[in-house]
Amino acid sequence: MNTIRSICVYCGSSPGKDEIYLKAGQQLGRSLAQANVRLVYGGGTKGIMGAVAEGALRAGGKVTGIIPRFLMNKEATETALARLDELVITENMHERKHIMFEKSDAFVALPGGIGTVEEIVEIMTWAQLGHHRKPIVFANIAGFWDPMLTLIDHMKQEGFVHTSHLVQPLVIDQADAVVAAIITAASADNAPTEGVSAVIDKM
């Protein structure tokens, strides 16, 4: 598997009800910068999205924001966007997601809403279809993703997931452990593998 040079983070443009979500975003951004890994994200400067970018920027990291033109005034401010060292403005959501995929070596889902679910599920779908072998992580902050993981397991038990060997997401409870787990999985060329911290096959 290729060296991990950039990681895409999907997360909410809102802060959520628990302060732990914003802190996790900041921690993950900081970890990316410390590992010299570029953050690729949806370009928002508010909520958890803003926290991830802020964490990376404050630690001297590189940040690529990819945002549709129609969301610029809703999810971001021009002043904040100017701080990113790379900004890509797309015409629609489909173009945004495609570019995020192309620019990223791995994918992480922090807490978020329907959009975050849609994005990480699409990445898992592409893996299931054999389109990529890039590591996928659920950053399961305070058990946020437990219902999602239970649903995926239910799909398997009911006979709707037949290619679990192609989709084996990492489930990491602590934001500051995500980057190290991805790098370990990628270097093993078998993401994820036994022995990687908090790795479970939920598919």
N, C-alpha and C. Protein backbone atom coordinates (compact mmCIF):
# COMPACT_ATOMS: atom_id res chain seq x y z
N MET A 1 0.83 -1.20 0.00
CA MET A 1 0.00 0.00 0.00
C MET A 1 0.87 1.25 0.00
N ASN A 2 0.41 2.31 -0.60
CA ASN A 2 1.18 3.55 -0.68
C ASN A 2 1.41 4.17 0.68
N THR A 3 2.47 4.95 0.76
CA THR A 3 2.74 5.71 1.97
C THR A 3 1.59 6.67 2.25
N ILE A 4 1.25 6.84 3.51
CA ILE A 4 0.17 7.74 3.89
C ILE A 4 0.70 9.17 3.91
N ARG A 5 0.32 9.94 2.92
CA ARG A 5 0.74 11.34 2.83
C ARG A 5 -0.41 12.30 3.12
N SER A 6 -1.64 11.81 2.96
CA SER A 6 -2.81 12.67 3.20
C SER A 6 -3.95 11.80 3.71
N ILE A 7 -4.74 12.37 4.61
CA ILE A 7 -5.89 11.66 5.18
C ILE A 7 -7.12 12.56 5.08
N CYS A 8 -8.19 11.99 4.55
CA CYS A 8 -9.45 12.71 4.44
C CYS A 8 -10.25 12.51 5.72
N VAL A 9 -10.76 13.60 6.26
CA VAL A 9 -11.57 13.53 7.47
C VAL A 9 -12.98 14.02 7.17
N TYR A 10 -13.96 13.15 7.39
CA TYR A 10 -15.36 13.50 7.28
C TYR A 10 -15.89 13.79 8.69
N CYS A 11 -16.64 14.86 8.84
CA CYS A 11 -17.17 15.20 10.16
C CYS A 11 -18.23 16.28 10.04
N GLY A 12 -18.85 16.59 11.16
CA GLY A 12 -19.95 17.54 11.17
C GLY A 12 -19.52 18.99 11.01
N SER A 13 -20.34 19.77 10.36
CA SER A 13 -20.12 21.22 10.27
C SER A 13 -20.72 21.93 11.47
N SER A 14 -21.35 21.14 12.35
CA SER A 14 -21.85 21.63 13.63
C SER A 14 -20.98 21.07 14.75
N PRO A 15 -20.98 21.70 15.92
CA PRO A 15 -20.12 21.24 17.00
C PRO A 15 -20.66 20.03 17.76
N GLY A 16 -21.96 19.75 17.62
CA GLY A 16 -22.54 18.69 18.42
C GLY A 16 -22.83 19.17 19.84
N LYS A 17 -23.45 18.34 20.63
CA LYS A 17 -23.85 18.74 21.98
C LYS A 17 -22.75 18.55 23.03
N ASP A 18 -21.80 17.66 22.76
CA ASP A 18 -20.77 17.36 23.74
C ASP A 18 -19.45 17.98 23.32
N GLU A 19 -18.82 18.68 24.22
CA GLU A 19 -17.55 19.36 23.94
C GLU A 19 -16.46 18.38 23.51
N ILE A 20 -16.62 17.12 23.85
CA ILE A 20 -15.61 16.13 23.52
C ILE A 20 -15.42 15.97 22.02
N TYR A 21 -16.47 16.25 21.25
CA TYR A 21 -16.38 16.12 19.79
C TYR A 21 -15.44 17.18 19.20
N LEU A 22 -15.58 18.42 19.65
CA LEU A 22 -14.69 19.48 19.17
C LEU A 22 -13.25 19.19 19.58
N LYS A 23 -13.07 18.74 20.80
CA LYS A 23 -11.72 18.43 21.28
C LYS A 23 -11.10 17.31 20.45
N ALA A 24 -11.91 16.33 20.09
CA ALA A 24 -11.41 15.23 19.28
C ALA A 24 -10.98 15.73 17.90
N GLY A 25 -11.76 16.65 17.33
CA GLY A 25 -11.39 17.23 16.05
C GLY A 25 -10.07 17.95 16.13
N GLN A 26 -9.88 18.74 17.18
CA GLN A 26 -8.61 19.45 17.35
C GLN A 26 -7.45 18.48 17.54
N GLN A 27 -7.67 17.43 18.31
CA GLN A 27 -6.62 16.43 18.53
C GLN A 27 -6.23 15.73 17.24
N LEU A 28 -7.21 15.37 16.46
CA LEU A 28 -6.92 14.68 15.21
C LEU A 28 -6.15 15.59 14.26
N GLY A 29 -6.57 16.84 14.16
CA GLY A 29 -5.85 17.79 13.31
C GLY A 29 -4.41 17.96 13.75
N ARG A 30 -4.21 18.06 15.03
CA ARG A 30 -2.86 18.20 15.58
C ARG A 30 -2.02 16.96 15.30
N SER A 31 -2.62 15.78 15.43
CA SER A 31 -1.90 14.53 15.17
C SER A 31 -1.47 14.42 13.71
N LEU A 32 -2.34 14.87 12.82
CA LEU A 32 -1.99 14.87 11.40
C LEU A 32 -0.77 15.74 11.13
N ALA A 33 -0.78 16.93 11.70
CA ALA A 33 0.35 17.85 11.50
C ALA A 33 1.63 17.27 12.07
N GLN A 34 1.55 16.69 13.25
CA GLN A 34 2.73 16.14 13.90
C GLN A 34 3.32 14.96 13.13
N ALA A 35 2.46 14.25 12.40
CA ALA A 35 2.92 13.12 11.58
C ALA A 35 3.30 13.54 10.17
N ASN A 36 3.23 14.85 9.90
CA ASN A 36 3.53 15.39 8.58
C ASN A 36 2.60 14.79 7.51
N VAL A 37 1.34 14.64 7.88
CA VAL A 37 0.31 14.12 6.98
C VAL A 37 -0.68 15.24 6.68
N ARG A 38 -0.95 15.45 5.41
CA ARG A 38 -1.87 16.52 5.00
C ARG A 38 -3.31 16.17 5.35
N LEU A 39 -4.04 17.16 5.86
CA LEU A 39 -5.47 17.02 6.09
C LEU A 39 -6.23 17.38 4.82
N VAL A 40 -7.09 16.50 4.38
CA VAL A 40 -8.03 16.77 3.29
C VAL A 40 -9.42 16.73 3.92
N TYR A 41 -10.17 17.80 3.74
CA TYR A 41 -11.50 17.82 4.37
C TYR A 41 -12.44 18.71 3.58
N GLY A 42 -13.68 18.82 4.06
CA GLY A 42 -14.72 19.49 3.29
C GLY A 42 -14.68 20.99 3.25
N GLY A 43 -13.65 21.61 3.82
CA GLY A 43 -13.46 23.05 3.67
C GLY A 43 -14.23 23.92 4.64
N GLY A 44 -15.11 23.33 5.43
CA GLY A 44 -15.86 24.12 6.39
C GLY A 44 -14.98 24.67 7.50
N THR A 45 -15.34 25.83 8.01
CA THR A 45 -14.54 26.45 9.07
C THR A 45 -15.34 26.55 10.37
N LYS A 46 -16.46 25.84 10.43
CA LYS A 46 -17.31 25.85 11.62
C LYS A 46 -17.44 24.42 12.15
N GLY A 47 -17.93 24.30 13.37
CA GLY A 47 -18.18 22.99 13.95
C GLY A 47 -16.93 22.14 14.05
N ILE A 48 -17.12 20.82 13.97
CA ILE A 48 -16.00 19.91 14.08
C ILE A 48 -15.06 20.06 12.88
N MET A 49 -15.61 20.37 11.72
CA MET A 49 -14.76 20.60 10.54
C MET A 49 -13.74 21.71 10.83
N GLY A 50 -14.23 22.79 11.39
CA GLY A 50 -13.35 23.89 11.71
C GLY A 50 -12.33 23.51 12.77
N ALA A 51 -12.74 22.67 13.72
CA ALA A 51 -11.84 22.24 14.79
C ALA A 51 -10.68 21.41 14.25
N VAL A 52 -10.97 20.51 13.32
CA VAL A 52 -9.91 19.68 12.72
C VAL A 52 -8.91 20.56 11.97
N ALA A 53 -9.43 21.46 11.15
CA ALA A 53 -8.54 22.34 10.39
C ALA A 53 -7.72 23.23 11.31
N GLU A 54 -8.36 23.76 12.35
CA GLU A 54 -7.66 24.63 13.29
C GLU A 54 -6.55 23.87 14.02
N GLY A 55 -6.85 22.64 14.42
CA GLY A 55 -5.85 21.83 15.10
C GLY A 55 -4.64 21.59 14.23
N ALA A 56 -4.88 21.31 12.95
CA ALA A 56 -3.78 21.06 12.02
C ALA A 56 -2.98 22.33 11.75
N LEU A 57 -3.67 23.42 11.49
CA LEU A 57 -2.99 24.67 11.16
C LEU A 57 -2.15 25.19 12.33
N ARG A 58 -2.69 25.12 13.52
CA ARG A 58 -1.96 25.60 14.69
C ARG A 58 -0.69 24.80 14.95
N ALA A 59 -0.70 23.55 14.52
CA ALA A 59 0.47 22.68 14.71
C ALA A 59 1.40 22.72 13.50
N GLY A 60 1.12 23.62 12.57
CA GLY A 60 1.99 23.77 11.40
C GLY A 60 1.73 22.79 10.28
N GLY A 61 0.53 22.20 10.27
CA GLY A 61 0.21 21.22 9.25
C GLY A 61 -0.29 21.81 7.95
N LYS A 62 -0.36 20.97 6.94
CA LYS A 62 -0.88 21.35 5.63
C LYS A 62 -2.35 20.93 5.54
N VAL A 63 -3.16 21.83 5.00
CA VAL A 63 -4.60 21.58 4.95
C VAL A 63 -5.16 21.88 3.57
N THR A 64 -5.87 20.91 3.00
CA THR A 64 -6.58 21.09 1.75
C THR A 64 -8.08 21.10 2.03
N GLY A 65 -8.75 22.20 1.72
CA GLY A 65 -10.18 22.29 1.88
C GLY A 65 -10.86 22.18 0.53
N ILE A 66 -11.90 21.35 0.45
CA ILE A 66 -12.63 21.15 -0.81
C ILE A 66 -14.10 21.42 -0.53
N ILE A 67 -14.62 22.47 -1.11
CA ILE A 67 -15.96 22.91 -0.75
C ILE A 67 -16.74 23.35 -1.99
N PRO A 68 -18.01 22.96 -2.07
CA PRO A 68 -18.84 23.43 -3.18
C PRO A 68 -19.10 24.93 -3.04
N ARG A 69 -19.21 25.59 -4.15
CA ARG A 69 -19.41 27.03 -4.15
C ARG A 69 -20.66 27.43 -3.34
N PHE A 70 -21.72 26.64 -3.44
CA PHE A 70 -22.97 27.03 -2.78
C PHE A 70 -22.91 26.89 -1.26
N LEU A 71 -21.87 26.22 -0.73
CA LEU A 71 -21.75 26.06 0.71
C LEU A 71 -20.75 27.02 1.34
N MET A 72 -20.09 27.82 0.52
CA MET A 72 -19.02 28.66 1.05
C MET A 72 -19.49 29.63 2.13
N ASN A 73 -20.63 30.23 1.93
CA ASN A 73 -21.12 31.19 2.92
C ASN A 73 -21.87 30.53 4.07
N LYS A 74 -22.24 29.27 3.89
CA LYS A 74 -22.99 28.55 4.92
C LYS A 74 -22.07 27.83 5.90
N GLU A 75 -21.01 27.21 5.40
CA GLU A 75 -20.16 26.39 6.24
C GLU A 75 -18.79 27.01 6.50
N ALA A 76 -18.52 28.17 5.92
CA ALA A 76 -17.18 28.75 6.05
C ALA A 76 -17.24 30.27 6.00
N THR A 77 -16.11 30.88 6.33
CA THR A 77 -15.95 32.31 6.18
C THR A 77 -14.74 32.55 5.28
N GLU A 78 -14.77 33.61 4.51
CA GLU A 78 -13.66 33.87 3.59
C GLU A 78 -12.34 34.06 4.32
N THR A 79 -12.40 34.69 5.49
CA THR A 79 -11.18 34.92 6.26
C THR A 79 -10.54 33.59 6.68
N ALA A 80 -11.38 32.69 7.16
CA ALA A 80 -10.87 31.39 7.61
C ALA A 80 -10.36 30.56 6.43
N LEU A 81 -11.06 30.60 5.33
CA LEU A 81 -10.63 29.84 4.15
C LEU A 81 -9.29 30.33 3.63
N ALA A 82 -9.01 31.60 3.80
CA ALA A 82 -7.75 32.17 3.33
C ALA A 82 -6.55 31.59 4.07
N ARG A 83 -6.77 30.99 5.24
CA ARG A 83 -5.68 30.42 6.01
C ARG A 83 -5.24 29.06 5.48
N LEU A 84 -6.10 28.40 4.70
CA LEU A 84 -5.76 27.09 4.16
C LEU A 84 -4.69 27.24 3.08
N ASP A 85 -3.75 26.30 3.04
CA ASP A 85 -2.71 26.45 2.02
C ASP A 85 -3.16 25.91 0.67
N GLU A 86 -4.31 25.18 0.65
CA GLU A 86 -4.90 24.77 -0.62
C GLU A 86 -6.41 24.78 -0.48
N LEU A 87 -7.08 25.46 -1.39
CA LEU A 87 -8.54 25.52 -1.40
C LEU A 87 -9.04 25.15 -2.78
N VAL A 88 -9.92 24.16 -2.82
CA VAL A 88 -10.53 23.73 -4.08
C VAL A 88 -12.02 24.01 -4.00
N ILE A 89 -12.53 24.81 -4.92
CA ILE A 89 -13.95 25.14 -4.96
C ILE A 89 -14.60 24.36 -6.10
N THR A 90 -15.60 23.55 -5.75
CA THR A 90 -16.26 22.73 -6.75
C THR A 90 -17.64 23.27 -7.08
N GLU A 91 -18.23 22.75 -8.13
CA GLU A 91 -19.54 23.20 -8.56
C GLU A 91 -20.66 22.40 -7.91
N ASN A 92 -20.35 21.21 -7.39
CA ASN A 92 -21.39 20.39 -6.77
C ASN A 92 -20.78 19.39 -5.80
N MET A 93 -21.62 18.67 -5.09
CA MET A 93 -21.17 17.72 -4.08
C MET A 93 -20.46 16.51 -4.69
N HIS A 94 -20.92 16.07 -5.85
CA HIS A 94 -20.31 14.91 -6.48
C HIS A 94 -18.85 15.19 -6.84
N GLU A 95 -18.61 16.36 -7.39
CA GLU A 95 -17.24 16.74 -7.73
C GLU A 95 -16.39 16.85 -6.48
N ARG A 96 -16.97 17.41 -5.43
CA ARG A 96 -16.25 17.53 -4.16
C ARG A 96 -15.80 16.16 -3.65
N LYS A 97 -16.72 15.20 -3.62
CA LYS A 97 -16.40 13.89 -3.08
C LYS A 97 -15.35 13.16 -3.94
N HIS A 98 -15.45 13.33 -5.23
CA HIS A 98 -14.48 12.68 -6.13
C HIS A 98 -13.07 13.22 -5.89
N ILE A 99 -12.95 14.53 -5.77
CA ILE A 99 -11.63 15.14 -5.55
C ILE A 99 -11.10 14.75 -4.18
N MET A 100 -11.96 14.71 -3.17
CA MET A 100 -11.52 14.29 -1.85
C MET A 100 -10.97 12.87 -1.90
N PHE A 101 -11.63 12.00 -2.64
CA PHE A 101 -11.15 10.63 -2.77
C PHE A 101 -9.79 10.59 -3.46
N GLU A 102 -9.67 11.31 -4.56
CA GLU A 102 -8.43 11.27 -5.34
C GLU A 102 -7.24 11.82 -4.56
N LYS A 103 -7.47 12.79 -3.71
CA LYS A 103 -6.38 13.44 -2.99
C LYS A 103 -6.00 12.74 -1.69
N SER A 104 -6.71 11.67 -1.31
CA SER A 104 -6.53 11.08 0.01
C SER A 104 -6.02 9.64 -0.05
N ASP A 105 -5.20 9.31 0.95
CA ASP A 105 -4.65 7.95 1.07
C ASP A 105 -5.39 7.13 2.11
N ALA A 106 -6.26 7.76 2.89
CA ALA A 106 -7.05 7.08 3.91
C ALA A 106 -8.22 7.97 4.29
N PHE A 107 -9.20 7.40 4.99
CA PHE A 107 -10.42 8.13 5.31
C PHE A 107 -10.83 7.91 6.76
N VAL A 108 -11.25 9.00 7.41
CA VAL A 108 -11.65 8.94 8.81
C VAL A 108 -13.02 9.61 8.97
N ALA A 109 -13.89 8.96 9.72
CA ALA A 109 -15.18 9.56 10.06
C ALA A 109 -15.19 9.93 11.53
N LEU A 110 -15.15 11.22 11.81
CA LEU A 110 -15.41 11.73 13.15
C LEU A 110 -16.92 11.86 13.32
N PRO A 111 -17.41 12.16 14.50
CA PRO A 111 -18.85 12.37 14.66
C PRO A 111 -19.40 13.42 13.69
N GLY A 112 -20.59 13.18 13.21
CA GLY A 112 -21.23 14.09 12.26
C GLY A 112 -22.66 13.65 12.01
N GLY A 113 -23.27 14.26 11.02
CA GLY A 113 -24.66 13.98 10.72
C GLY A 113 -24.84 13.12 9.48
N ILE A 114 -25.95 13.34 8.80
CA ILE A 114 -26.32 12.52 7.64
C ILE A 114 -25.26 12.60 6.54
N GLY A 115 -24.71 13.80 6.32
CA GLY A 115 -23.70 13.95 5.28
C GLY A 115 -22.45 13.15 5.58
N THR A 116 -22.04 13.13 6.85
CA THR A 116 -20.87 12.36 7.24
C THR A 116 -21.12 10.87 7.03
N VAL A 117 -22.30 10.41 7.41
CA VAL A 117 -22.65 9.00 7.21
C VAL A 117 -22.61 8.66 5.72
N GLU A 118 -23.20 9.51 4.92
CA GLU A 118 -23.25 9.26 3.47
C GLU A 118 -21.85 9.16 2.89
N GLU A 119 -20.96 10.02 3.33
CA GLU A 119 -19.60 10.05 2.77
C GLU A 119 -18.81 8.79 3.13
N ILE A 120 -18.84 8.39 4.40
CA ILE A 120 -18.06 7.22 4.80
C ILE A 120 -18.67 5.94 4.25
N VAL A 121 -19.99 5.88 4.13
CA VAL A 121 -20.63 4.70 3.56
C VAL A 121 -20.27 4.57 2.08
N GLU A 122 -20.21 5.67 1.37
CA GLU A 122 -19.82 5.60 -0.03
C GLU A 122 -18.39 5.08 -0.18
N ILE A 123 -17.49 5.53 0.71
CA ILE A 123 -16.12 5.04 0.66
C ILE A 123 -16.06 3.55 0.94
N MET A 124 -16.88 3.07 1.89
CA MET A 124 -16.93 1.63 2.16
C MET A 124 -17.53 0.87 0.98
N THR A 125 -18.50 1.47 0.32
CA THR A 125 -19.11 0.84 -0.85
C THR A 125 -18.08 0.67 -1.96
N TRP A 126 -17.29 1.71 -2.20
CA TRP A 126 -16.25 1.63 -3.23
C TRP A 126 -15.22 0.56 -2.88
N ALA A 127 -14.89 0.43 -1.61
CA ALA A 127 -13.96 -0.62 -1.19
C ALA A 127 -14.57 -2.00 -1.43
N GLN A 128 -15.84 -2.15 -1.11
CA GLN A 128 -16.54 -3.41 -1.30
C GLN A 128 -16.56 -3.82 -2.76
N LEU A 129 -16.61 -2.83 -3.64
CA LEU A 129 -16.62 -3.08 -5.07
C LEU A 129 -15.22 -3.25 -5.65
N GLY A 130 -14.21 -3.15 -4.78
CA GLY A 130 -12.83 -3.33 -5.23
C GLY A 130 -12.21 -2.11 -5.86
N HIS A 131 -12.82 -0.95 -5.67
CA HIS A 131 -12.32 0.28 -6.29
C HIS A 131 -11.09 0.83 -5.59
N HIS A 132 -10.90 0.49 -4.31
CA HIS A 132 -9.70 0.96 -3.60
C HIS A 132 -9.43 0.07 -2.41
N ARG A 133 -8.20 0.20 -1.84
CA ARG A 133 -7.82 -0.53 -0.64
C ARG A 133 -7.27 0.43 0.41
N LYS A 134 -7.72 1.65 0.37
CA LYS A 134 -7.25 2.66 1.32
C LYS A 134 -7.88 2.42 2.69
N PRO A 135 -7.11 2.63 3.76
CA PRO A 135 -7.66 2.43 5.11
C PRO A 135 -8.87 3.31 5.40
N ILE A 136 -9.82 2.76 6.14
CA ILE A 136 -11.04 3.46 6.54
C ILE A 136 -11.14 3.38 8.05
N VAL A 137 -11.43 4.51 8.70
CA VAL A 137 -11.49 4.55 10.16
C VAL A 137 -12.79 5.18 10.64
N PHE A 138 -13.41 4.54 11.62
CA PHE A 138 -14.45 5.18 12.41
C PHE A 138 -13.79 5.68 13.68
N ALA A 139 -13.68 6.99 13.86
CA ALA A 139 -13.18 7.57 15.10
C ALA A 139 -14.35 7.56 16.08
N ASN A 140 -14.42 6.52 16.87
CA ASN A 140 -15.61 6.24 17.69
C ASN A 140 -15.56 6.99 19.02
N ILE A 141 -15.57 8.31 18.92
CA ILE A 141 -15.45 9.18 20.09
C ILE A 141 -16.66 9.02 21.01
N ALA A 142 -16.40 8.64 22.25
CA ALA A 142 -17.46 8.44 23.25
C ALA A 142 -18.55 7.49 22.74
N GLY A 143 -18.14 6.53 21.92
CA GLY A 143 -19.08 5.53 21.42
C GLY A 143 -20.05 6.06 20.38
N PHE A 144 -19.72 7.20 19.75
CA PHE A 144 -20.66 7.85 18.83
C PHE A 144 -21.11 6.90 17.72
N TRP A 145 -20.20 6.11 17.18
CA TRP A 145 -20.52 5.28 16.02
C TRP A 145 -21.07 3.91 16.39
N ASP A 146 -21.26 3.62 17.66
CA ASP A 146 -21.75 2.30 18.05
C ASP A 146 -23.03 1.88 17.33
N PRO A 147 -24.05 2.76 17.23
CA PRO A 147 -25.27 2.35 16.52
C PRO A 147 -25.00 2.03 15.05
N MET A 148 -24.12 2.77 14.42
CA MET A 148 -23.77 2.53 13.02
C MET A 148 -23.09 1.17 12.86
N LEU A 149 -22.15 0.90 13.75
CA LEU A 149 -21.42 -0.36 13.68
C LEU A 149 -22.34 -1.54 13.95
N THR A 150 -23.30 -1.34 14.85
CA THR A 150 -24.30 -2.39 15.12
C THR A 150 -25.15 -2.65 13.89
N LEU A 151 -25.52 -1.59 13.19
CA LEU A 151 -26.32 -1.74 11.97
C LEU A 151 -25.55 -2.51 10.90
N ILE A 152 -24.28 -2.17 10.72
CA ILE A 152 -23.46 -2.86 9.73
C ILE A 152 -23.35 -4.35 10.07
N ASP A 153 -23.17 -4.64 11.35
CA ASP A 153 -23.10 -6.03 11.79
C ASP A 153 -24.43 -6.74 11.54
N HIS A 154 -25.52 -6.02 11.76
CA HIS A 154 -26.86 -6.59 11.50
C HIS A 154 -27.02 -6.91 10.02
N MET A 155 -26.54 -6.03 9.14
CA MET A 155 -26.61 -6.28 7.70
C MET A 155 -25.87 -7.57 7.34
N LYS A 156 -24.72 -7.76 7.97
CA LYS A 156 -23.94 -8.98 7.71
C LYS A 156 -24.69 -10.21 8.17
N GLN A 157 -25.24 -10.14 9.38
CA GLN A 157 -25.95 -11.29 9.93
C GLN A 157 -27.18 -11.66 9.12
N GLU A 158 -27.79 -10.65 8.52
CA GLU A 158 -28.99 -10.89 7.71
C GLU A 158 -28.67 -11.24 6.26
N GLY A 159 -27.39 -11.38 5.94
CA GLY A 159 -27.00 -11.85 4.62
C GLY A 159 -26.90 -10.82 3.53
N PHE A 160 -26.72 -9.54 3.90
CA PHE A 160 -26.64 -8.50 2.89
C PHE A 160 -25.23 -7.98 2.63
N VAL A 161 -24.25 -8.51 3.35
CA VAL A 161 -22.86 -8.12 3.13
C VAL A 161 -22.07 -9.39 2.83
N HIS A 162 -21.61 -9.51 1.60
CA HIS A 162 -21.00 -10.76 1.15
C HIS A 162 -19.50 -10.65 0.87
N THR A 163 -18.96 -9.45 0.99
CA THR A 163 -17.54 -9.27 0.67
C THR A 163 -16.83 -8.57 1.82
N SER A 164 -16.96 -9.11 3.02
CA SER A 164 -16.41 -8.47 4.20
C SER A 164 -14.89 -8.37 4.15
N HIS A 165 -14.24 -9.25 3.38
CA HIS A 165 -12.78 -9.21 3.30
C HIS A 165 -12.29 -7.95 2.59
N LEU A 166 -13.17 -7.28 1.85
CA LEU A 166 -12.79 -6.06 1.14
C LEU A 166 -13.07 -4.79 1.95
N VAL A 167 -13.89 -4.93 2.99
CA VAL A 167 -14.23 -3.77 3.82
C VAL A 167 -14.03 -4.13 5.28
N GLN A 168 -12.90 -3.69 5.83
CA GLN A 168 -12.59 -3.97 7.22
C GLN A 168 -12.16 -2.68 7.91
N PRO A 169 -13.12 -1.87 8.30
CA PRO A 169 -12.76 -0.57 8.88
C PRO A 169 -12.10 -0.69 10.25
N LEU A 170 -11.18 0.21 10.49
CA LEU A 170 -10.60 0.35 11.82
C LEU A 170 -11.59 1.10 12.69
N VAL A 171 -11.69 0.72 13.93
CA VAL A 171 -12.54 1.43 14.88
C VAL A 171 -11.64 1.88 16.02
N ILE A 172 -11.42 3.19 16.12
CA ILE A 172 -10.48 3.76 17.08
C ILE A 172 -11.24 4.68 18.03
N ASP A 173 -11.06 4.48 19.31
CA ASP A 173 -11.82 5.24 20.31
C ASP A 173 -11.22 6.61 20.62
N GLN A 174 -9.91 6.77 20.43
CA GLN A 174 -9.24 8.01 20.78
C GLN A 174 -8.73 8.73 19.54
N ALA A 175 -9.03 10.01 19.42
CA ALA A 175 -8.65 10.76 18.22
C ALA A 175 -7.14 10.80 18.01
N ASP A 176 -6.38 10.87 19.10
CA ASP A 176 -4.94 10.99 18.95
C ASP A 176 -4.27 9.66 18.59
N ALA A 177 -5.06 8.58 18.49
CA ALA A 177 -4.51 7.28 18.10
C ALA A 177 -4.83 6.93 16.65
N VAL A 178 -5.62 7.75 15.99
CA VAL A 178 -6.09 7.44 14.64
C VAL A 178 -4.96 7.40 13.62
N VAL A 179 -4.14 8.44 13.59
CA VAL A 179 -3.09 8.53 12.56
C VAL A 179 -2.11 7.37 12.68
N ALA A 180 -1.67 7.07 13.89
CA ALA A 180 -0.72 5.97 14.09
C ALA A 180 -1.31 4.64 13.63
N ALA A 181 -2.60 4.42 13.91
CA ALA A 181 -3.24 3.18 13.51
C ALA A 181 -3.30 3.05 11.99
N ILE A 182 -3.58 4.17 11.31
CA ILE A 182 -3.64 4.16 9.85
C ILE A 182 -2.27 3.85 9.27
N ILE A 183 -1.25 4.50 9.77
CA ILE A 183 0.11 4.29 9.26
C ILE A 183 0.54 2.85 9.48
N THR A 184 0.22 2.29 10.64
CA THR A 184 0.56 0.89 10.92
C THR A 184 -0.16 -0.05 9.97
N ALA A 185 -1.44 0.20 9.75
CA ALA A 185 -2.23 -0.65 8.85
C ALA A 185 -1.71 -0.57 7.43
N ALA A 186 -1.38 0.64 6.99
CA ALA A 186 -0.90 0.82 5.62
C ALA A 186 0.45 0.15 5.42
N SER A 187 1.32 0.24 6.38
CA SER A 187 2.65 -0.35 6.25
C SER A 187 2.60 -1.87 6.22
N ALA A 188 1.52 -2.42 6.83
CA ALA A 188 1.36 -3.87 6.83
C ALA A 188 0.80 -4.37 5.50
N ASP A 189 0.33 -3.45 4.66
CA ASP A 189 -0.25 -3.78 3.35
C ASP A 189 -1.39 -4.78 3.48
N ASN A 190 -2.11 -4.67 4.58
CA ASN A 190 -3.24 -5.57 4.81
C ASN A 190 -4.18 -4.89 5.78
N ALA A 191 -4.67 -3.71 5.42
CA ALA A 191 -5.43 -2.89 6.35
C ALA A 191 -6.86 -3.40 6.54
N PRO A 192 -7.31 -3.59 7.77
CA PRO A 192 -6.49 -3.61 8.97
C PRO A 192 -5.95 -4.99 9.23
N THR A 193 -5.01 -5.18 10.16
CA THR A 193 -4.47 -6.48 10.48
C THR A 193 -4.61 -6.73 11.96
N GLU A 194 -4.44 -7.98 12.36
CA GLU A 194 -4.45 -8.31 13.78
C GLU A 194 -3.29 -7.59 14.44
N GLY A 195 -3.51 -7.09 15.62
CA GLY A 195 -2.44 -6.42 16.35
C GLY A 195 -2.52 -4.92 16.28
N VAL A 196 -3.26 -4.38 15.32
CA VAL A 196 -3.43 -2.94 15.24
C VAL A 196 -4.42 -2.53 16.33
N SER A 197 -4.10 -1.48 17.06
CA SER A 197 -4.91 -1.06 18.20
C SER A 197 -6.35 -0.79 17.81
N ALA A 198 -7.25 -1.42 18.52
CA ALA A 198 -8.69 -1.19 18.40
C ALA A 198 -9.24 -1.52 17.03
N VAL A 199 -8.65 -2.52 16.36
CA VAL A 199 -9.14 -2.91 15.04
C VAL A 199 -10.21 -3.99 15.19
N ILE A 200 -11.34 -3.74 14.57
CA ILE A 200 -12.36 -4.79 14.56
C ILE A 200 -12.96 -4.86 13.17
N ASP A 201 -13.35 -6.06 12.77
CA ASP A 201 -14.02 -6.24 11.50
C ASP A 201 -15.51 -6.24 11.75
N LYS A 202 -16.16 -5.12 11.40
CA LYS A 202 -17.61 -5.01 11.62
C LYS A 202 -18.42 -5.36 10.38
N MET A 203 -17.72 -5.74 9.33
CA MET A 203 -18.46 -6.03 8.11
C MET A 203 -18.79 -7.53 8.02
